[in-house]
Amino acid sequence: MSKIVVVDGVERETLATGKNLMIVQFTFRKGAEVPWHTHEHEQSSYIVQGRLKLLLRDTSSEMILTPGKSAIIPPHVQHKAIALEDTIDVNAFTPIREDYLS
């Protein structure tokens, strides 16, 4: 699939899709932000390159993810991400995100 602009400075590319699991790569420019949002999907985040600040509103958690680090975001938990430097973030979603298929 081709890259999709999510918000200014953030691109999304679907890497693989199965029956119940989807792998997606996000590329962030330094300072780019994915605003607060929530979804029904359980999500993992794994940093390949860069540094990403991940905030979870329901638990008041704030994490700085660096290369080789990962986090799990439970379903229906509000969260946002801010790139502290240019970042590559590989995510898995279950169930698959139908909205990412088009």
Foldseek 3Di string as FASTA:
>chain_A
DDWDDPDVQKIKDWDDADQWKTKMKIKGAAFDKDDKDFAQKKKKKAWQAAWKWKAWPVVRDIDIHHHGDMDIDHHGTIMMMHTNHTTMIMMMITRDDPVVPD
